[in-house]
Each structure stands twice: as C-alpha cells, then as structure tokens.
Protein backbone atom coordinates (compact mmCIF):
# COMPACT_ATOMS: atom_id res chain seq x y z
CA MET A 1 26.92 109.96 62.09
CA ALA A 2 26.77 113.75 62.33
CA ALA A 3 29.23 113.58 65.25
CA CYS A 4 31.69 111.61 63.11
CA ALA A 5 31.38 114.15 60.30
CA ALA A 6 32.01 117.00 62.73
CA LEU A 7 35.19 115.32 63.96
CA ALA A 8 36.57 114.79 60.47
CA SER A 9 39.56 116.92 59.54
CA PRO A 10 38.66 119.88 57.29
CA ALA A 11 41.48 118.88 54.93
CA ALA A 12 40.06 115.34 54.62
CA ALA A 13 37.16 116.65 52.54
CA ASP A 14 38.98 119.63 51.08
CA ALA A 15 37.56 120.69 47.72
CA VAL A 16 40.97 121.73 46.37
CA LYS A 17 42.30 118.17 46.51
CA GLY A 18 43.03 116.84 43.05
CA VAL A 19 45.10 117.79 40.02
CA PHE A 20 45.19 121.24 38.41
CA GLN A 21 46.93 122.43 35.27
CA THR A 22 48.96 125.59 35.73
CA ALA A 23 48.64 128.59 33.46
CA PRO A 24 51.26 128.59 30.67
CA ASN A 25 54.63 130.11 31.54
CA ASP A 26 56.51 132.51 29.22
CA GLU A 27 57.50 129.58 26.95
CA GLY A 28 53.95 128.21 26.89
CA ASN A 29 54.79 125.22 29.11
CA VAL A 30 52.30 123.96 31.70
CA GLY A 31 52.45 121.65 34.68
CA HIS A 32 50.03 119.36 36.48
CA VAL A 33 50.03 119.96 40.23
CA GLU A 34 48.39 117.55 42.66
CA PHE A 35 46.96 119.11 45.83
CA TYR A 36 46.82 116.93 48.93
CA GLU A 37 46.74 117.16 52.72
CA CYS A 38 50.13 117.45 54.42
CA SER A 39 50.42 117.86 58.18
CA GLY A 40 46.90 119.30 58.42
CA LYS A 41 47.50 121.84 55.66
CA ILE A 42 47.42 121.74 51.86
CA CYS A 43 50.44 121.07 49.65
CA GLY A 44 50.77 120.79 45.88
CA LYS A 45 53.43 118.73 44.10
CA LEU A 46 54.38 118.87 40.46
CA LEU A 47 53.31 115.61 38.79
CA ARG A 48 54.36 116.32 35.20
CA SER A 49 55.19 119.13 32.77
CA PHE A 50 54.31 119.67 29.12
CA THR A 51 55.44 121.90 26.26
CA SER A 52 52.93 124.19 24.57
CA ASN A 53 52.11 121.41 22.06
CA GLY A 54 51.51 118.81 24.80
CA THR A 55 54.83 116.96 24.65
CA PRO A 56 55.92 115.75 28.11
CA ILE A 57 58.98 117.48 29.57
CA ALA A 58 61.51 115.62 31.71
CA SER A 59 62.27 117.76 34.77
CA ASP A 60 64.17 117.42 38.03
CA ASN A 61 61.22 119.26 39.64
CA ILE A 62 58.74 116.40 39.10
CA GLY A 63 57.60 115.16 42.52
CA LYS A 64 58.64 118.33 44.34
CA ASN A 65 56.19 120.47 46.28
CA ILE A 66 55.68 123.82 44.64
CA VAL A 67 52.88 124.82 47.07
CA TRP A 68 52.97 124.12 50.81
CA ASP A 69 51.56 125.21 54.19
CA MET A 70 48.35 126.45 52.56
CA GLN A 71 45.53 126.84 55.10
CA ASN A 72 41.86 126.49 54.28
CA GLN A 73 40.21 129.76 55.33
CA GLY A 74 36.70 128.73 54.30
CA GLY A 75 34.54 129.73 51.36
CA GLY A 76 37.09 128.48 48.82
CA ALA A 77 39.85 130.77 50.15
CA TYR A 78 43.30 129.50 51.12
CA GLY A 79 46.16 131.49 52.59
CA LYS A 80 49.29 131.70 54.69
CA GLY A 81 51.06 129.32 52.32
CA LYS A 82 54.14 129.40 50.11
CA ILE A 83 54.61 128.87 46.39
CA TRP A 84 57.86 128.12 44.58
CA ASP A 85 58.46 129.25 41.01
CA PRO A 86 60.88 126.62 39.65
CA GLY A 87 61.73 128.74 36.58
CA ALA A 88 62.94 131.66 38.71
CA ASP A 89 63.90 129.47 41.71
CA LYS A 90 62.07 131.89 44.00
CA THR A 91 59.61 131.28 46.82
CA TYR A 92 56.72 133.65 47.55
CA ARG A 93 53.96 134.03 50.13
CA SER A 94 50.87 132.62 48.51
CA LYS A 95 47.11 132.60 48.59
CA MET A 96 44.54 130.76 46.50
CA SER A 97 40.84 130.97 45.73
CA LEU A 98 38.82 128.01 44.44
CA ASP A 99 35.72 128.58 42.32
CA GLY A 100 34.41 125.29 40.91
CA ASP A 101 37.19 123.86 38.74
CA LEU A 102 39.17 127.11 38.60
CA LEU A 103 41.90 127.90 41.13
CA LYS A 104 43.24 131.45 41.30
CA VAL A 105 46.81 131.24 42.60
CA SER A 106 48.86 134.27 43.70
CA GLY A 107 52.45 134.75 44.79
CA CYS A 108 53.21 137.84 46.84
CA ILE A 109 56.19 139.98 47.78
CA GLY A 110 55.15 142.54 50.35
CA PRO A 111 51.76 143.98 49.40
CA ILE A 112 52.20 143.19 45.68
CA CYS A 113 50.74 139.93 44.38
CA ARG A 114 50.83 138.40 40.90
CA GLY A 115 48.70 135.49 39.96
CA ASN A 116 46.99 133.39 37.38
CA THR A 117 44.25 130.79 37.09
CA TRP A 118 44.75 127.04 37.07
CA GLN A 119 42.18 124.55 35.69
CA ARG A 120 41.22 121.26 37.40
CA VAL A 121 42.12 118.23 35.27
CA ARG A 122 40.81 115.54 37.65
C-alpha cells in the first residue's frame, strides 16, 4: 500500500483543493473559487460572485479560470502560476501560501507583489 501512495500524484491529495472565498474587492464583492488539478498543476475557476450583502451576481466570468499553472512547492507553498484579475482584465505572475483554511494569494509585476487572504468555504 505504501508503494501505491508513493506513486500517487501530488496534486491528487493536494490540500488546496476545494472552494475558497476571495477577499472583497473595492466594491465589497467576493467570489468563490474552486481549486482543482489541471494537467498536473493547480487551477482555480470562479464558481459564483456575490455583492457585499450576499446577493448573487450574474457574471460572464463564472466558470473561467482565474488561477492556473500553479505548482505545489511543498509546505503549503505554491508558485510559478498566473492569476487573472477580471475587474482590471490583467494577468499577473502569482504565488500562494496555504495555512489551514486560509490561502494567501499574491499577484506580482516584477519584484512587486500585492496580495490578500482567501477563506476556505468547503
């Protein structure tokens, strides 16, 4: 059995899999992003969006990946990925750090990174 576990893909048991709520944007809106394995890496697609009072928002971005090519670097760290900001329609180099049910997500241009913390919802 240990041999089977050793052969399992690291992404198959990846702790970041699941749904996280983004930090509120400038208008107070949040999104639910589902992380899953894609081509041996980690991707995150937008499942739904909500206003600051919890009302669902219809969006053309639902179902689109906003995080992709993220690589598990061990110890809860992920890197070498991309993140798309739908509000600004810009894509950034990205890294993430998982600590329990909190996911610190950063988007970077050159050496400068901005980030926030997302909360696991399931």
